[in-house]
């Protein structure tokens, strides 16, 4: 949360994840903290969803 707060309105932040946003509350121990982080990240954000076959194991 501290990193998100420090960068809010000052710097760009890129976040990548494999967990759906809807599942973040279950993944974090504190639902209130999850709400605060998501509010800061999602406000004024551009969401880019990649589709297609996973490239994880391609060499």
C-alpha atoms as a PDB file:
ATOM      1  CA  UNK A   1       0.000   0.000   0.000  1.00  0.00           C
ATOM      2  CA  UNK A   2       2.830   2.395   0.817  1.00  0.00           C
ATOM      3  CA  UNK A   3       4.338   1.996  -2.667  1.00  0.00           C
ATOM      4  CA  UNK A   4       0.980   2.610  -4.318  1.00  0.00           C
ATOM      5  CA  UNK A   5       0.363   5.715  -2.187  1.00  0.00           C
ATOM      6  CA  UNK A   6       3.804   7.164  -2.889  1.00  0.00           C
ATOM      7  CA  UNK A   7       3.390   6.785  -6.655  1.00  0.00           C
ATOM      8  CA  UNK A   8      -0.250   7.925  -6.861  1.00  0.00           C
ATOM      9  CA  UNK A   9      -0.521  11.020  -9.123  1.00  0.00           C
ATOM     10  CA  UNK A  10       3.284  11.232  -9.324  1.00  0.00           C
ATOM     11  CA  UNK A  11       4.559   8.293 -11.343  1.00  0.00           C
ATOM     12  CA  UNK A  12       3.284   5.604 -13.654  1.00  0.00           C
ATOM     13  CA  UNK A  13       2.994   2.138 -12.215  1.00  0.00           C
ATOM     14  CA  UNK A  14       2.705  -1.101 -14.150  1.00  0.00           C
ATOM     15  CA  UNK A  15       1.211  -4.058 -12.343  1.00  0.00           C
ATOM     16  CA  UNK A  16       1.128  -7.533 -13.842  1.00  0.00           C
ATOM     17  CA  UNK A  17      -0.691 -10.442 -12.327  1.00  0.00           C
ATOM     18  CA  UNK A  18      -2.236 -13.787 -13.119  1.00  0.00           C
ATOM     19  CA  UNK A  19      -4.948 -13.545 -10.476  1.00  0.00           C
ATOM     20  CA  UNK A  20      -8.289 -12.043 -11.476  1.00  0.00           C
ATOM     21  CA  UNK A  21      -8.991  -8.730  -9.746  1.00  0.00           C
ATOM     22  CA  UNK A  22     -12.152 -10.233  -8.256  1.00  0.00           C
ATOM     23  CA  UNK A  23      -9.998 -12.799  -6.408  1.00  0.00           C
ATOM     24  CA  UNK A  24      -7.636 -10.262  -4.793  1.00  0.00           C
ATOM     25  CA  UNK A  25      -9.777  -9.917  -1.672  1.00  0.00           C
ATOM     26  CA  UNK A  26      -9.507 -13.644  -1.005  1.00  0.00           C
ATOM     27  CA  UNK A  27      -5.766 -13.640  -1.716  1.00  0.00           C
ATOM     28  CA  UNK A  28      -4.996 -10.827   0.742  1.00  0.00           C
ATOM     29  CA  UNK A  29      -5.377 -11.339   4.466  1.00  0.00           C
ATOM     30  CA  UNK A  30      -6.980  -7.945   5.056  1.00  0.00           C
ATOM     31  CA  UNK A  31     -10.020  -7.157   2.851  1.00  0.00           C
ATOM     32  CA  UNK A  32      -9.893  -3.471   3.861  1.00  0.00           C
ATOM     33  CA  UNK A  33      -6.292  -3.218   2.680  1.00  0.00           C
ATOM     34  CA  UNK A  34      -7.229  -5.003  -0.554  1.00  0.00           C
ATOM     35  CA  UNK A  35      -9.995  -2.415  -1.128  1.00  0.00           C
ATOM     36  CA  UNK A  36      -7.601   0.472  -0.524  1.00  0.00           C
ATOM     37  CA  UNK A  37      -4.948  -0.907  -2.872  1.00  0.00           C
ATOM     38  CA  UNK A  38      -7.459  -1.721  -5.611  1.00  0.00           C
ATOM     39  CA  UNK A  39      -9.062   1.723  -5.350  1.00  0.00           C
ATOM     40  CA  UNK A  40      -5.695   3.400  -5.882  1.00  0.00           C
ATOM     41  CA  UNK A  41      -4.594   1.048  -8.680  1.00  0.00           C
ATOM     42  CA  UNK A  42      -7.846   0.989 -10.639  1.00  0.00           C
ATOM     43  CA  UNK A  43      -8.635   4.719 -10.439  1.00  0.00           C
ATOM     44  CA  UNK A  44      -7.424   6.368 -13.676  1.00  0.00           C
ATOM     45  CA  UNK A  45      -5.954   3.040 -14.835  1.00  0.00           C
ATOM     46  CA  UNK A  46      -5.698   1.509 -18.262  1.00  0.00           C
ATOM     47  CA  UNK A  47      -6.500  -2.187 -18.182  1.00  0.00           C
ATOM     48  CA  UNK A  48      -4.848  -4.389 -20.808  1.00  0.00           C
ATOM     49  CA  UNK A  49      -5.920  -8.008 -20.968  1.00  0.00           C
ATOM     50  CA  UNK A  50      -3.781 -10.326 -23.023  1.00  0.00           C
ATOM     51  CA  UNK A  51      -5.591 -13.141 -24.745  1.00  0.00           C
ATOM     52  CA  UNK A  52      -4.420 -16.203 -26.539  1.00  0.00           C
ATOM     53  CA  UNK A  53      -2.257 -19.152 -25.814  1.00  0.00           C
ATOM     54  CA  UNK A  54       0.146 -18.914 -22.893  1.00  0.00           C
ATOM     55  CA  UNK A  55       3.747 -18.235 -23.888  1.00  0.00           C
ATOM     56  CA  UNK A  56       5.115 -19.346 -20.522  1.00  0.00           C
ATOM     57  CA  UNK A  57       6.724 -22.560 -21.747  1.00  0.00           C
ATOM     58  CA  UNK A  58       7.684 -21.452 -25.247  1.00  0.00           C
ATOM     59  CA  UNK A  59      11.436 -21.380 -25.852  1.00  0.00           C
END
